[in-house]
Amino acid sequence: MEGNGGLKKFNNRGSIFVNSMYY
């Protein structure tokens, strides 16, 4: 899981998308 890297890459573009997948 890339909680740190994923959130930084999708800061504004996929904020909700990453939140749903990693959280």
C-alpha atoms as a PDB file:
ATOM      1  CA  MET A   1       0.000   0.000   0.000  1.00  0.00           C
ATOM      2  CA  GLU A   2       1.242   3.466  -0.890  1.00  0.00           C
ATOM      3  CA  GLY A   3      -0.639   5.565   1.631  1.00  0.00           C
ATOM      4  CA  ASN A   4       2.104   8.177   1.776  1.00  0.00           C
ATOM      5  CA  GLY A   5       3.171   8.166  -1.881  1.00  0.00           C
ATOM      6  CA  GLY A   6      -0.356   7.720  -3.184  1.00  0.00           C
ATOM      7  CA  LEU A   7      -1.738  10.654  -1.217  1.00  0.00           C
ATOM      8  CA  LYS A   8       1.120  12.920  -2.334  1.00  0.00           C
ATOM      9  CA  LYS A   9       0.647  12.006  -6.009  1.00  0.00           C
ATOM     10  CA  PHE A  10      -3.135  12.358  -5.914  1.00  0.00           C
ATOM     11  CA  ASN A  11      -3.277  15.317  -3.553  1.00  0.00           C
ATOM     12  CA  ASN A  12      -6.049  17.196  -5.379  1.00  0.00           C
ATOM     13  CA  ARG A  13      -6.799  15.064  -8.442  1.00  0.00           C
ATOM     14  CA  GLY A  14      -7.768  11.768  -6.772  1.00  0.00           C
ATOM     15  CA  SER A  15      -8.112  12.820  -3.152  1.00  0.00           C
ATOM     16  CA  ILE A  16     -11.427  11.021  -2.714  1.00  0.00           C
ATOM     17  CA  PHE A  17     -10.372   8.175  -5.011  1.00  0.00           C
ATOM     18  CA  VAL A  18      -7.262   7.405  -2.981  1.00  0.00           C
ATOM     19  CA  ASN A  19      -9.171   7.819   0.268  1.00  0.00           C
ATOM     20  CA  SER A  20     -11.673   5.173  -0.798  1.00  0.00           C
ATOM     21  CA  MET A  21      -8.974   2.713  -1.899  1.00  0.00           C
ATOM     22  CA  TYR A  22      -6.338   3.181   0.804  1.00  0.00           C
ATOM     23  CA  TYR A  23      -8.792   3.917   3.571  1.00  0.00           C
END
